[in-house]
Amino acid sequence: MFFRDRYDAGRQLAAELQKREFEDAVVLGLPRGGVPVAAKVADALEVPLDVLLVRKLGLPAHREFAIGAIGEGGVRVVDLAMCESYRVSSAELAQVDAEERIELKRRSQLYRKGLPPISLDGHTAILVDDGVATGSTALAASQVARKLGAKKVILAVPVGSASAVEELRQHVDEVICLRVPERFRAVGQWYVDFSETPDEQVIELLQRHRKLMTGTRTSSQRVASEPLPAGSGLGLGVELPVWMSQIDREIEIRDDSAVLAGHLSVPERPIGVVLFAHGSGSSRHSPRNQAVAAVLNQARIATLLLDLLTPEEERERANVFDIPLLGRRLLLASDWLEQQPETAG
């Protein structure tokens, strides 16, 4: 497994996207599972976040067999050759279109609470999902994004099948996929937690990011709403709410000879902090340690996952056993935590 959950996947995907420059970008999450991933990406890139609502148009007698797709703003993409091959009449196509537009409108009102969709005209559309298996949804979304005026369409996903990724490269300007496993069966197999994303979570994420973009939060303290299982208090008698805001960001600690990279997560009203020190053979991106950190965060315990060695230093095996060096950096990290307002005391 590569990812702890969709938020972890979003963080890793965001780190990759931050290496690039995008002009007039808008991040579009594909509901519902793609939205938590997209929220982390939009937060890191500091660009607008929206959902891209797409409904597939299926054959009248076999709705699961797609012959096209529709999007907001009256957009419709249809495979005319397939319609002709299966003898789909204009009236039948119009009937399927009308039915799917009812659901499209319902979801738009539900997720955006009456606000209009963000315009894609002249923008770079970064489509984000939690993964691609067949790629059919991503393909439909890319076609709709172009019809809505996007000047460039980029698909960004944490994981995907080799066949889907290769096919999608023919239809979008760029595919950014972190992992393309050889033995791919389903997107969910690469996540520790792949539980369903509820509508309420999508709504919450869109609203929170909208507040971030309007300046109600500082860019140095990223706030994301992540789902937490009620009652998971690690035996501490802490009853957790379903939603909890937290600081969640990459940090740097400067030593005399290096800059140490880490990841800080602080839940609301933390009762303590745990420092994960990574020396060799692991890093702050370790799925196992991230999973442990997530459980601690749910119990209102802050966590700092810190790499005690830089990638260059780790290549020198002597550094792995340099106890004075590692010990000094542990003390440095401890001092750093005491100096941060969110973890002091």
C-alpha atoms as a PDB file:
ATOM      1  CA  MET A   1       0.000   0.000   0.000  1.00  0.00           C
ATOM      2  CA  PHE A   2       1.250   3.455  -0.921  1.00  0.00           C
ATOM      3  CA  PHE A   3      -1.148   5.812   0.872  1.00  0.00           C
ATOM      4  CA  ARG A   4      -2.571   6.051   4.364  1.00  0.00           C
ATOM      5  CA  ASP A   5      -5.780   7.660   3.116  1.00  0.00           C
ATOM      6  CA  ARG A   6      -6.913  10.193   0.520  1.00  0.00           C
ATOM      7  CA  TYR A   7      -5.429  13.098   2.488  1.00  0.00           C
ATOM      8  CA  ASP A   8      -2.040  11.414   2.592  1.00  0.00           C
ATOM      9  CA  ALA A   9      -2.325  10.761  -1.148  1.00  0.00           C
ATOM     10  CA  GLY A  10      -3.178  14.427  -1.641  1.00  0.00           C
ATOM     11  CA  ARG A  11      -0.144  15.549   0.339  1.00  0.00           C
ATOM     12  CA  GLN A  12       2.184  13.359  -1.696  1.00  0.00           C
ATOM     13  CA  LEU A  13       0.593  14.452  -4.965  1.00  0.00           C
ATOM     14  CA  ALA A  14       0.808  18.103  -3.916  1.00  0.00           C
ATOM     15  CA  ALA A  15       4.526  17.737  -3.191  1.00  0.00           C
ATOM     16  CA  GLU A  16       5.057  16.538  -6.761  1.00  0.00           C
ATOM     17  CA  LEU A  17       2.918  19.285  -8.297  1.00  0.00           C
ATOM     18  CA  GLN A  18       4.745  21.974  -6.327  1.00  0.00           C
ATOM     19  CA  LYS A  19       7.840  21.175  -8.402  1.00  0.00           C
ATOM     20  CA  ARG A  20       6.026  22.553 -11.449  1.00  0.00           C
ATOM     21  CA  GLU A  21       4.610  25.927 -12.409  1.00  0.00           C
ATOM     22  CA  PHE A  22       1.023  26.284 -13.584  1.00  0.00           C
ATOM     23  CA  GLU A  23      -0.445  29.382 -15.178  1.00  0.00           C
ATOM     24  CA  ASP A  24      -3.913  30.467 -14.000  1.00  0.00           C
ATOM     25  CA  ALA A  25      -4.600  27.054 -12.491  1.00  0.00           C
ATOM     26  CA  VAL A  26      -7.849  25.775 -11.034  1.00  0.00           C
ATOM     27  CA  VAL A  27      -7.895  22.445  -9.182  1.00  0.00           C
ATOM     28  CA  LEU A  28     -10.973  20.333  -9.880  1.00  0.00           C
ATOM     29  CA  GLY A  29     -11.796  17.338  -7.720  1.00  0.00           C
ATOM     30  CA  LEU A  30     -13.855  14.530  -9.226  1.00  0.00           C
ATOM     31  CA  PRO A  31     -16.583  13.746  -6.680  1.00  0.00           C
ATOM     32  CA  ARG A  32     -16.622  12.234  -4.382  1.00  0.00           C
ATOM     33  CA  GLY A  33     -13.362  10.434  -3.660  1.00  0.00           C
ATOM     34  CA  GLY A  34     -11.213  12.845  -5.628  1.00  0.00           C
ATOM     35  CA  VAL A  35     -12.174  15.886  -3.571  1.00  0.00           C
ATOM     36  CA  PRO A  36     -10.111  15.141  -0.401  1.00  0.00           C
ATOM     37  CA  VAL A  37      -7.077  14.572  -2.638  1.00  0.00           C
ATOM     38  CA  ALA A  38      -7.807  17.744  -4.610  1.00  0.00           C
ATOM     39  CA  ALA A  39      -8.233  19.809  -1.434  1.00  0.00           C
ATOM     40  CA  LYS A  40      -4.663  19.060  -0.371  1.00  0.00           C
ATOM     41  CA  VAL A  41      -3.371  19.902  -3.849  1.00  0.00           C
ATOM     42  CA  ALA A  42      -5.285  23.188  -4.084  1.00  0.00           C
ATOM     43  CA  ASP A  43      -4.184  24.132  -0.588  1.00  0.00           C
ATOM     44  CA  ALA A  44      -0.508  23.535  -1.391  1.00  0.00           C
ATOM     45  CA  LEU A  45      -0.653  25.352  -4.737  1.00  0.00           C
ATOM     46  CA  GLU A  46      -2.786  28.161  -3.268  1.00  0.00           C
ATOM     47  CA  VAL A  47      -5.213  28.096  -6.185  1.00  0.00           C
ATOM     48  CA  PRO A  48      -9.024  27.855  -6.383  1.00  0.00           C
ATOM     49  CA  LEU A  49     -10.730  24.536  -5.712  1.00  0.00           C
ATOM     50  CA  ASP A  50     -13.968  23.316  -7.244  1.00  0.00           C
ATOM     51  CA  VAL A  51     -15.620  20.086  -8.267  1.00  0.00           C
ATOM     52  CA  LEU A  52     -15.946  19.046 -11.891  1.00  0.00           C
ATOM     53  CA  LEU A  53     -19.356  17.487 -12.198  1.00  0.00           C
ATOM     54  CA  VAL A  54     -19.636  14.940 -14.966  1.00  0.00           C
ATOM     55  CA  ARG A  55     -22.387  12.467 -15.754  1.00  0.00           C
ATOM     56  CA  LYS A  56     -21.864   9.698 -18.247  1.00  0.00           C
ATOM     57  CA  LEU A  57     -24.478   9.186 -20.947  1.00  0.00           C
ATOM     58  CA  GLY A  58     -25.257   5.506 -21.270  1.00  0.00           C
ATOM     59  CA  LEU A  59     -27.048   3.491 -23.907  1.00  0.00           C
ATOM     60  CA  PRO A  60     -30.806   3.672 -23.242  1.00  0.00           C
ATOM     61  CA  ALA A  61     -30.996  -0.103 -22.751  1.00  0.00           C
ATOM     62  CA  HIS A  62     -27.617  -0.470 -21.020  1.00  0.00           C
ATOM     63  CA  ARG A  63     -26.870   2.650 -18.979  1.00  0.00           C
ATOM     64  CA  GLU A  64     -23.525   1.315 -17.731  1.00  0.00           C
ATOM     65  CA  PHE A  65     -22.213   1.400 -21.328  1.00  0.00           C
ATOM     66  CA  ALA A  66     -21.118   5.012 -21.921  1.00  0.00           C
ATOM     67  CA  ILE A  67     -21.653   6.720 -25.259  1.00  0.00           C
ATOM     68  CA  GLY A  68     -20.843  10.215 -24.042  1.00  0.00           C
ATOM     69  CA  ALA A  69     -20.833  12.575 -21.095  1.00  0.00           C
ATOM     70  CA  ILE A  70     -22.378  15.840 -19.971  1.00  0.00           C
ATOM     71  CA  GLY A  71     -21.121  18.668 -17.809  1.00  0.00           C
ATOM     72  CA  GLU A  72     -22.397  21.941 -16.432  1.00  0.00           C
ATOM     73  CA  GLY A  73     -23.118  24.887 -18.682  1.00  0.00           C
ATOM     74  CA  GLY A  74     -24.931  22.723 -21.220  1.00  0.00           C
ATOM     75  CA  VAL A  75     -21.753  20.877 -22.225  1.00  0.00           C
ATOM     76  CA  ARG A  76     -22.248  17.542 -23.952  1.00  0.00           C
ATOM     77  CA  VAL A  77     -19.666  15.216 -25.482  1.00  0.00           C
ATOM     78  CA  VAL A  78     -21.079  12.362 -27.571  1.00  0.00           C
ATOM     79  CA  ASP A  79     -19.487   9.553 -29.559  1.00  0.00           C
ATOM     80  CA  LEU A  80     -21.570   9.932 -32.715  1.00  0.00           C
ATOM     81  CA  ALA A  81     -20.082   6.838 -34.338  1.00  0.00           C
ATOM     82  CA  MET A  82     -21.144   4.732 -31.366  1.00  0.00           C
ATOM     83  CA  CYS A  83     -24.617   6.258 -31.390  1.00  0.00           C
ATOM     84  CA  GLU A  84     -24.949   5.357 -35.045  1.00  0.00           C
ATOM     85  CA  SER A  85     -23.575   1.861 -34.478  1.00  0.00           C
ATOM     86  CA  TYR A  86     -26.094   1.163 -31.700  1.00  0.00           C
ATOM     87  CA  ARG A  87     -28.878   3.061 -33.489  1.00  0.00           C
ATOM     88  CA  VAL A  88     -29.474   5.557 -30.714  1.00  0.00           C
ATOM     89  CA  SER A  89     -31.994   8.111 -31.947  1.00  0.00           C
ATOM     90  CA  SER A  90     -31.831  11.824 -31.200  1.00  0.00           C
ATOM     91  CA  ALA A  91     -34.955  11.492 -29.058  1.00  0.00           C
ATOM     92  CA  GLU A  92     -33.448   8.659 -26.995  1.00  0.00           C
ATOM     93  CA  LEU A  93     -30.220  10.591 -26.507  1.00  0.00           C
ATOM     94  CA  ALA A  94     -32.168  13.683 -25.453  1.00  0.00           C
ATOM     95  CA  GLN A  95     -34.099  11.621 -22.888  1.00  0.00           C
ATOM     96  CA  VAL A  96     -30.917  10.216 -21.324  1.00  0.00           C
ATOM     97  CA  ASP A  97     -29.380  13.703 -21.352  1.00  0.00           C
ATOM     98  CA  ALA A  98     -32.395  15.227 -19.580  1.00  0.00           C
ATOM     99  CA  GLU A  99     -32.392  12.570 -16.851  1.00  0.00           C
ATOM    100  CA  GLU A 100     -28.682  12.941 -16.154  1.00  0.00           C
ATOM    101  CA  ARG A 101     -28.912  16.739 -16.068  1.00  0.00           C
ATOM    102  CA  ILE A 102     -31.393  16.505 -13.217  1.00  0.00           C
ATOM    103  CA  GLU A 103     -28.783  14.636 -11.175  1.00  0.00           C
ATOM    104  CA  LEU A 104     -26.055  17.028 -12.332  1.00  0.00           C
ATOM    105  CA  LYS A 105     -28.062  20.028 -11.120  1.00  0.00           C
ATOM    106  CA  ARG A 106     -28.857  18.311  -7.812  1.00  0.00           C
ATOM    107  CA  ARG A 107     -25.192  17.656  -7.099  1.00  0.00           C
ATOM    108  CA  SER A 108     -24.174  21.189  -8.057  1.00  0.00           C
ATOM    109  CA  GLN A 109     -26.690  22.690  -5.640  1.00  0.00           C
ATOM    110  CA  LEU A 110     -25.721  20.209  -2.937  1.00  0.00           C
ATOM    111  CA  TYR A 111     -21.962  20.739  -3.131  1.00  0.00           C
ATOM    112  CA  ARG A 112     -21.792  24.454  -3.911  1.00  0.00           C
ATOM    113  CA  LYS A 113     -24.793  25.607  -1.894  1.00  0.00           C
ATOM    114  CA  GLY A 114     -26.073  27.840  -4.679  1.00  0.00           C
ATOM    115  CA  LEU A 115     -22.716  29.337  -5.692  1.00  0.00           C
ATOM    116  CA  PRO A 116     -21.794  29.231  -9.401  1.00  0.00           C
ATOM    117  CA  PRO A 117     -18.990  26.957 -10.629  1.00  0.00           C
ATOM    118  CA  ILE A 118     -15.546  28.500 -11.091  1.00  0.00           C
ATOM    119  CA  SER A 119     -14.995  29.518 -14.708  1.00  0.00           C
ATOM    120  CA  LEU A 120     -12.419  27.465 -16.601  1.00  0.00           C
ATOM    121  CA  ASP A 121     -12.293  29.796 -19.582  1.00  0.00           C
ATOM    122  CA  GLY A 122      -8.616  30.477 -20.318  1.00  0.00           C
ATOM    123  CA  HIS A 123      -7.416  28.589 -17.228  1.00  0.00           C
ATOM    124  CA  THR A 124      -5.291  25.505 -16.656  1.00  0.00           C
ATOM    125  CA  ALA A 125      -7.601  22.802 -15.332  1.00  0.00           C
ATOM    126  CA  ILE A 126      -5.895  20.352 -12.966  1.00  0.00           C
ATOM    127  CA  LEU A 127      -8.219  17.362 -12.693  1.00  0.00           C
ATOM    128  CA  VAL A 128      -7.676  15.352  -9.518  1.00  0.00           C
ATOM    129  CA  ASP A 129      -9.073  11.964  -8.567  1.00  0.00           C
ATOM    130  CA  ASP A 130      -8.051   9.355  -5.991  1.00  0.00           C
ATOM    131  CA  GLY A 131      -6.871   7.081  -8.797  1.00  0.00           C
ATOM    132  CA  VAL A 132      -7.701   5.767 -12.260  1.00  0.00           C
ATOM    133  CA  ALA A 133      -8.579   2.160 -13.044  1.00  0.00           C
ATOM    134  CA  THR A 134     -10.212   2.188 -16.492  1.00  0.00           C
ATOM    135  CA  GLY A 135      -9.850   5.944 -16.945  1.00  0.00           C
ATOM    136  CA  SER A 136     -13.355   6.396 -18.356  1.00  0.00           C
ATOM    137  CA  THR A 137     -14.434   8.974 -15.764  1.00  0.00           C
ATOM    138  CA  ALA A 138     -11.192  10.941 -16.111  1.00  0.00           C
ATOM    139  CA  LEU A 139     -11.529  10.893 -19.895  1.00  0.00           C
ATOM    140  CA  ALA A 140     -15.076  12.230 -19.734  1.00  0.00           C
ATOM    141  CA  ALA A 141     -13.972  14.899 -17.251  1.00  0.00           C
ATOM    142  CA  SER A 142     -11.117  16.018 -19.495  1.00  0.00           C
ATOM    143  CA  GLN A 143     -13.467  16.357 -22.456  1.00  0.00           C
ATOM    144  CA  VAL A 144     -15.921  18.398 -20.399  1.00  0.00           C
ATOM    145  CA  ALA A 145     -13.121  20.634 -19.077  1.00  0.00           C
ATOM    146  CA  ARG A 146     -12.032  21.459 -22.624  1.00  0.00           C
ATOM    147  CA  LYS A 147     -15.601  22.209 -23.654  1.00  0.00           C
ATOM    148  CA  LEU A 148     -15.821  24.587 -20.686  1.00  0.00           C
ATOM    149  CA  GLY A 149     -12.913  26.592 -22.103  1.00  0.00           C
ATOM    150  CA  ALA A 150      -9.844  25.256 -20.277  1.00  0.00           C
ATOM    151  CA  LYS A 151      -6.736  26.209 -22.252  1.00  0.00           C
ATOM    152  CA  LYS A 152      -4.811  23.287 -20.770  1.00  0.00           C
ATOM    153  CA  VAL A 153      -5.990  20.091 -19.084  1.00  0.00           C
ATOM    154  CA  ILE A 154      -3.761  18.200 -16.655  1.00  0.00           C
ATOM    155  CA  LEU A 155      -4.762  14.982 -14.934  1.00  0.00           C
ATOM    156  CA  ALA A 156      -3.141  14.434 -11.525  1.00  0.00           C
ATOM    157  CA  VAL A 157      -3.726  11.205  -9.599  1.00  0.00           C
ATOM    158  CA  PRO A 158      -1.865   9.310  -6.875  1.00  0.00           C
ATOM    159  CA  VAL A 159      -2.128   5.900  -8.549  1.00  0.00           C
ATOM    160  CA  GLY A 160      -3.353   4.393 -11.788  1.00  0.00           C
ATOM    161  CA  SER A 161      -3.265   1.346 -14.012  1.00  0.00           C
ATOM    162  CA  ALA A 162      -0.652   1.388 -16.759  1.00  0.00           C
ATOM    163  CA  SER A 163      -3.260   0.957 -19.498  1.00  0.00           C
ATOM    164  CA  ALA A 164      -5.441   3.818 -18.250  1.00  0.00           C
ATOM    165  CA  VAL A 165      -2.505   6.185 -17.779  1.00  0.00           C
ATOM    166  CA  GLU A 166      -1.187   5.440 -21.262  1.00  0.00           C
ATOM    167  CA  GLU A 167      -4.608   5.949 -22.843  1.00  0.00           C
ATOM    168  CA  LEU A 168      -5.253   9.205 -20.990  1.00  0.00           C
ATOM    169  CA  ARG A 169      -1.936  10.657 -22.153  1.00  0.00           C
ATOM    170  CA  GLN A 170      -3.469  10.756 -25.626  1.00  0.00           C
ATOM    171  CA  HIS A 171      -6.326  12.996 -24.476  1.00  0.00           C
ATOM    172  CA  VAL A 172      -4.891  15.480 -21.962  1.00  0.00           C
ATOM    173  CA  ASP A 173      -1.906  17.810 -22.017  1.00  0.00           C
ATOM    174  CA  GLU A 174      -0.156  15.979 -19.190  1.00  0.00           C
ATOM    175  CA  VAL A 175      -0.748  13.052 -16.852  1.00  0.00           C
ATOM    176  CA  ILE A 176       0.911  13.203 -13.440  1.00  0.00           C
ATOM    177  CA  CYS A 177       0.601   9.830 -11.718  1.00  0.00           C
ATOM    178  CA  LEU A 178       2.743   9.063  -8.670  1.00  0.00           C
ATOM    179  CA  ARG A 179       2.469   5.279  -8.844  1.00  0.00           C
ATOM    180  CA  VAL A 180       1.776   2.920 -11.747  1.00  0.00           C
ATOM    181  CA  PRO A 181       1.914  -0.575 -10.188  1.00  0.00           C
ATOM    182  CA  GLU A 182       2.515  -3.586 -12.399  1.00  0.00           C
ATOM    183  CA  ARG A 183      -0.192  -5.658 -10.731  1.00  0.00           C
ATOM    184  CA  PHE A 184      -3.108  -3.259 -10.591  1.00  0.00           C
ATOM    185  CA  ARG A 185      -6.554  -4.586  -9.664  1.00  0.00           C
ATOM    186  CA  ALA A 186      -8.356  -1.618  -8.130  1.00  0.00           C
ATOM    187  CA  VAL A 187      -7.602   1.868  -6.818  1.00  0.00           C
ATOM    188  CA  GLY A 188      -8.572   0.955  -3.261  1.00  0.00           C
ATOM    189  CA  GLN A 189      -5.917  -1.746  -2.904  1.00  0.00           C
ATOM    190  CA  TRP A 190      -3.218   0.947  -2.658  1.00  0.00           C
ATOM    191  CA  TYR A 191      -4.817   2.709   0.326  1.00  0.00           C
ATOM    192  CA  VAL A 192      -4.838   1.695   3.986  1.00  0.00           C
ATOM    193  CA  ASP A 193      -8.132   3.561   4.409  1.00  0.00           C
ATOM    194  CA  PHE A 194     -10.313   3.777   1.306  1.00  0.00           C
ATOM    195  CA  SER A 195     -13.637   4.322   3.028  1.00  0.00           C
ATOM    196  CA  GLU A 196     -16.384   6.093   1.108  1.00  0.00           C
ATOM    197  CA  THR A 197     -16.287   9.882   0.943  1.00  0.00           C
ATOM    198  CA  PRO A 198     -19.651  11.279   2.114  1.00  0.00           C
ATOM    199  CA  ASP A 199     -21.333  14.284   0.507  1.00  0.00           C
ATOM    200  CA  GLU A 200     -20.932  16.209   3.772  1.00  0.00           C
ATOM    201  CA  GLN A 201     -17.168  15.893   3.526  1.00  0.00           C
ATOM    202  CA  VAL A 202     -17.142  17.263  -0.023  1.00  0.00           C
ATOM    203  CA  ILE A 203     -19.246  20.244   1.053  1.00  0.00           C
ATOM    204  CA  GLU A 204     -17.035  20.924   4.076  1.00  0.00           C
ATOM    205  CA  LEU A 205     -13.817  20.823   2.053  1.00  0.00           C
ATOM    206  CA  LEU A 206     -15.130  23.198  -0.601  1.00  0.00           C
ATOM    207  CA  GLN A 207     -16.359  25.664   2.008  1.00  0.00           C
ATOM    208  CA  ARG A 208     -13.118  25.576   3.987  1.00  0.00           C
ATOM    209  CA  HIS A 209     -10.953  26.128   0.942  1.00  0.00           C
ATOM    210  CA  ARG A 210     -13.163  29.014  -0.128  1.00  0.00           C
ATOM    211  CA  LYS A 211     -12.503  30.625   3.260  1.00  0.00           C
ATOM    212  CA  LEU A 212      -8.769  30.038   2.870  1.00  0.00           C
ATOM    213  CA  MET A 213      -8.756  31.732  -0.521  1.00  0.00           C
ATOM    214  CA  THR A 214     -10.623  34.746   0.848  1.00  0.00           C
ATOM    215  CA  GLY A 215      -7.966  35.246   3.508  1.00  0.00           C
ATOM    216  CA  THR A 216      -9.710  34.020   6.639  1.00  0.00           C
ATOM    217  CA  ARG A 217      -6.731  31.737   7.332  1.00  0.00           C
ATOM    218  CA  THR A 218      -3.029  32.463   6.965  1.00  0.00           C
ATOM    219  CA  SER A 219      -1.107  30.551   4.327  1.00  0.00           C
ATOM    220  CA  SER A 220       1.423  29.382   6.925  1.00  0.00           C
ATOM    221  CA  GLN A 221      -1.218  27.397   8.783  1.00  0.00           C
ATOM    222  CA  ARG A 222      -3.070  25.115   6.413  1.00  0.00           C
ATOM    223  CA  VAL A 223      -6.385  23.986   7.775  1.00  0.00           C
ATOM    224  CA  ALA A 224      -8.069  20.909   6.375  1.00  0.00           C
ATOM    225  CA  SER A 225     -11.120  19.063   7.544  1.00  0.00           C
ATOM    226  CA  GLU A 226     -10.405  15.357   7.698  1.00  0.00           C
ATOM    227  CA  PRO A 227     -12.796  12.580   8.668  1.00  0.00           C
ATOM    228  CA  LEU A 228     -12.114  11.000  12.028  1.00  0.00           C
ATOM    229  CA  PRO A 229     -13.872   7.942  13.405  1.00  0.00           C
ATOM    230  CA  ALA A 230     -16.049   8.853  16.359  1.00  0.00           C
ATOM    231  CA  GLY A 231     -14.994   7.343  19.647  1.00  0.00           C
ATOM    232  CA  SER A 232     -11.421   6.486  18.644  1.00  0.00           C
ATOM    233  CA  GLY A 233      -9.649   7.904  21.670  1.00  0.00           C
ATOM    234  CA  LEU A 234      -6.786   5.393  22.048  1.00  0.00           C
ATOM    235  CA  GLY A 235      -8.054   4.542  25.511  1.00  0.00           C
ATOM    236  CA  LEU A 236      -7.609   8.136  26.676  1.00  0.00           C
ATOM    237  CA  GLY A 237     -11.300   8.716  27.254  1.00  0.00           C
ATOM    238  CA  VAL A 238     -11.424  11.215  24.386  1.00  0.00           C
ATOM    239  CA  GLU A 239     -14.623  11.208  22.344  1.00  0.00           C
ATOM    240  CA  LEU A 240     -13.685  12.588  18.943  1.00  0.00           C
ATOM    241  CA  PRO A 241     -16.038  14.458  16.616  1.00  0.00           C
ATOM    242  CA  VAL A 242     -16.477  13.315  13.041  1.00  0.00           C
ATOM    243  CA  TRP A 243     -14.765  16.496  11.816  1.00  0.00           C
ATOM    244  CA  MET A 244     -11.705  18.178  13.281  1.00  0.00           C
ATOM    245  CA  SER A 245      -9.552  21.024  11.945  1.00  0.00           C
ATOM    246  CA  GLN A 246      -5.799  20.641  12.139  1.00  0.00           C
ATOM    247  CA  ILE A 247      -2.542  22.270  11.134  1.00  0.00           C
ATOM    248  CA  ASP A 248      -0.979  20.024   8.546  1.00  0.00           C
ATOM    249  CA  ARG A 249       2.170  21.194   6.769  1.00  0.00           C
ATOM    250  CA  GLU A 250       5.700  20.423   5.676  1.00  0.00           C
ATOM    251  CA  ILE A 251       8.379  22.075   7.839  1.00  0.00           C
ATOM    252  CA  GLU A 252      12.139  22.607   7.793  1.00  0.00           C
ATOM    253  CA  ILE A 253      14.549  22.612  10.733  1.00  0.00           C
ATOM    254  CA  ARG A 254      17.973  24.084  10.068  1.00  0.00           C
ATOM    255  CA  ASP A 255      21.071  22.436  11.488  1.00  0.00           C
ATOM    256  CA  ASP A 256      24.562  23.888  11.116  1.00  0.00           C
ATOM    257  CA  SER A 257      25.290  21.585   8.195  1.00  0.00           C
ATOM    258  CA  ALA A 258      21.878  20.650   6.772  1.00  0.00           C
ATOM    259  CA  VAL A 259      18.198  21.460   6.409  1.00  0.00           C
ATOM    260  CA  LEU A 260      16.035  18.702   7.909  1.00  0.00           C
ATOM    261  CA  ALA A 261      12.627  18.045   6.355  1.00  0.00           C
ATOM    262  CA  GLY A 262       9.595  17.099   8.408  1.00  0.00           C
ATOM    263  CA  HIS A 263       5.821  16.972   8.464  1.00  0.00           C
ATOM    264  CA  LEU A 264       3.878  18.562  11.322  1.00  0.00           C
ATOM    265  CA  SER A 265       0.267  17.673  12.142  1.00  0.00           C
ATOM    266  CA  VAL A 266      -1.506  19.402  15.027  1.00  0.00           C
ATOM    267  CA  PRO A 267      -5.145  18.652  15.921  1.00  0.00           C
ATOM    268  CA  GLU A 268      -7.364  21.120  17.719  1.00  0.00           C
ATOM    269  CA  ARG A 269      -6.538  21.499  21.427  1.00  0.00           C
ATOM    270  CA  PRO A 270      -3.600  19.034  21.407  1.00  0.00           C
ATOM    271  CA  ILE A 271      -2.809  17.249  24.667  1.00  0.00           C
ATOM    272  CA  GLY A 272       0.746  16.311  23.701  1.00  0.00           C
ATOM    273  CA  VAL A 273       3.200  15.808  20.874  1.00  0.00           C
ATOM    274  CA  VAL A 274       5.104  12.768  19.546  1.00  0.00           C
ATOM    275  CA  LEU A 275       8.298  13.102  17.508  1.00  0.00           C
ATOM    276  CA  PHE A 276       8.961  10.382  14.910  1.00  0.00           C
ATOM    277  CA  ALA A 277      12.689  10.330  14.110  1.00  0.00           C
ATOM    278  CA  HIS A 278      13.706   8.720  10.820  1.00  0.00           C
ATOM    279  CA  GLY A 279      17.366   7.863  10.368  1.00  0.00           C
ATOM    280  CA  SER A 280      17.802   5.326   7.570  1.00  0.00           C
ATOM    281  CA  GLY A 281      15.665   2.988   5.502  1.00  0.00           C
ATOM    282  CA  SER A 282      12.577   5.053   6.208  1.00  0.00           C
ATOM    283  CA  SER A 283      11.408   8.646   5.964  1.00  0.00           C
ATOM    284  CA  ARG A 284       8.600  10.989   6.920  1.00  0.00           C
ATOM    285  CA  HIS A 285       6.691   9.515   3.939  1.00  0.00           C
ATOM    286  CA  SER A 286       6.580   6.033   5.508  1.00  0.00           C
ATOM    287  CA  PRO A 287       2.942   4.815   5.153  1.00  0.00           C
ATOM    288  CA  ARG A 288       3.217   2.808   8.371  1.00  0.00           C
ATOM    289  CA  ASN A 289       4.414   5.729  10.484  1.00  0.00           C
ATOM    290  CA  GLN A 290       1.938   8.077   8.826  1.00  0.00           C
ATOM    291  CA  ALA A 291      -0.843   5.667   9.765  1.00  0.00           C
ATOM    292  CA  VAL A 292       0.338   5.632  13.396  1.00  0.00           C
ATOM    293  CA  ALA A 293       0.570   9.428  13.358  1.00  0.00           C
ATOM    294  CA  ALA A 294      -2.997   9.670  12.056  1.00  0.00           C
ATOM    295  CA  VAL A 295      -4.299   7.622  14.981  1.00  0.00           C
ATOM    296  CA  LEU A 296      -2.384   9.831  17.419  1.00  0.00           C
ATOM    297  CA  ASN A 297      -3.816  12.943  15.757  1.00  0.00           C
ATOM    298  CA  GLN A 298      -7.289  11.499  16.212  1.00  0.00           C
ATOM    299  CA  ALA A 299      -6.539  11.268  19.943  1.00  0.00           C
ATOM    300  CA  ARG A 300      -5.576  14.981  19.956  1.00  0.00           C
ATOM    301  CA  ILE A 301      -1.841  14.269  19.984  1.00  0.00           C
ATOM    302  CA  ALA A 302       0.308  16.339  17.632  1.00  0.00           C
ATOM    303  CA  THR A 303       2.981  14.590  15.576  1.00  0.00           C
ATOM    304  CA  LEU A 304       6.205  15.582  13.860  1.00  0.00           C
ATOM    305  CA  LEU A 305       7.636  13.100  11.357  1.00  0.00           C
ATOM    306  CA  LEU A 306      11.247  14.192  10.866  1.00  0.00           C
ATOM    307  CA  ASP A 307      14.080  12.987   8.642  1.00  0.00           C
ATOM    308  CA  LEU A 308      17.243  13.202  10.753  1.00  0.00           C
ATOM    309  CA  LEU A 309      19.423  12.857   7.661  1.00  0.00           C
ATOM    310  CA  THR A 310      19.210  14.471   4.254  1.00  0.00           C
ATOM    311  CA  PRO A 311      19.089  12.106   1.233  1.00  0.00           C
ATOM    312  CA  GLU A 312      22.728  12.959   0.508  1.00  0.00           C
ATOM    313  CA  GLU A 313      23.800  12.242   4.093  1.00  0.00           C
ATOM    314  CA  GLU A 314      21.931   8.944   4.159  1.00  0.00           C
ATOM    315  CA  ARG A 315      24.010   7.644   1.251  1.00  0.00           C
ATOM    316  CA  GLU A 316      27.054   7.827   3.533  1.00  0.00           C
ATOM    317  CA  ARG A 317      26.550   4.793   5.791  1.00  0.00           C
ATOM    318  CA  ALA A 318      28.746   6.232   8.535  1.00  0.00           C
ATOM    319  CA  ASN A 319      26.127   8.925   9.175  1.00  0.00           C
ATOM    320  CA  VAL A 320      23.499   6.292   9.958  1.00  0.00           C
ATOM    321  CA  PHE A 321      25.559   5.225  13.000  1.00  0.00           C
ATOM    322  CA  ASP A 322      26.741   8.701  14.008  1.00  0.00           C
ATOM    323  CA  ILE A 323      25.037   8.803  17.412  1.00  0.00           C
ATOM    324  CA  PRO A 324      26.341  12.283  18.383  1.00  0.00           C
ATOM    325  CA  LEU A 325      25.007  13.718  15.095  1.00  0.00           C
ATOM    326  CA  LEU A 326      21.611  12.030  15.386  1.00  0.00           C
ATOM    327  CA  GLY A 327      21.322  12.883  19.069  1.00  0.00           C
ATOM    328  CA  ARG A 328      22.118  16.541  18.450  1.00  0.00           C
ATOM    329  CA  ARG A 329      19.453  16.729  15.780  1.00  0.00           C
ATOM    330  CA  LEU A 330      16.885  15.091  18.049  1.00  0.00           C
ATOM    331  CA  LEU A 331      17.539  17.780  20.650  1.00  0.00           C
ATOM    332  CA  LEU A 332      17.323  20.416  17.927  1.00  0.00           C
ATOM    333  CA  ALA A 333      13.911  19.078  16.877  1.00  0.00           C
ATOM    334  CA  SER A 334      12.711  19.020  20.473  1.00  0.00           C
ATOM    335  CA  ASP A 335      13.780  22.641  20.929  1.00  0.00           C
ATOM    336  CA  TRP A 336      12.055  23.564  17.661  1.00  0.00           C
ATOM    337  CA  LEU A 337       8.774  22.057  18.858  1.00  0.00           C
ATOM    338  CA  GLU A 338       8.974  24.029  22.106  1.00  0.00           C
ATOM    339  CA  GLN A 339       9.387  27.241  20.130  1.00  0.00           C
ATOM    340  CA  GLN A 340       6.282  26.718  17.978  1.00  0.00           C
ATOM    341  CA  PRO A 341       3.092  28.343  19.320  1.00  0.00           C
ATOM    342  CA  GLU A 342       0.970  25.331  18.392  1.00  0.00           C
ATOM    343  CA  THR A 343       3.202  22.795  20.216  1.00  0.00           C
ATOM    344  CA  ALA A 344       4.818  24.864  22.976  1.00  0.00           C
ATOM    345  CA  GLY A 345       4.277  23.754  26.553  1.00  0.00           C
END
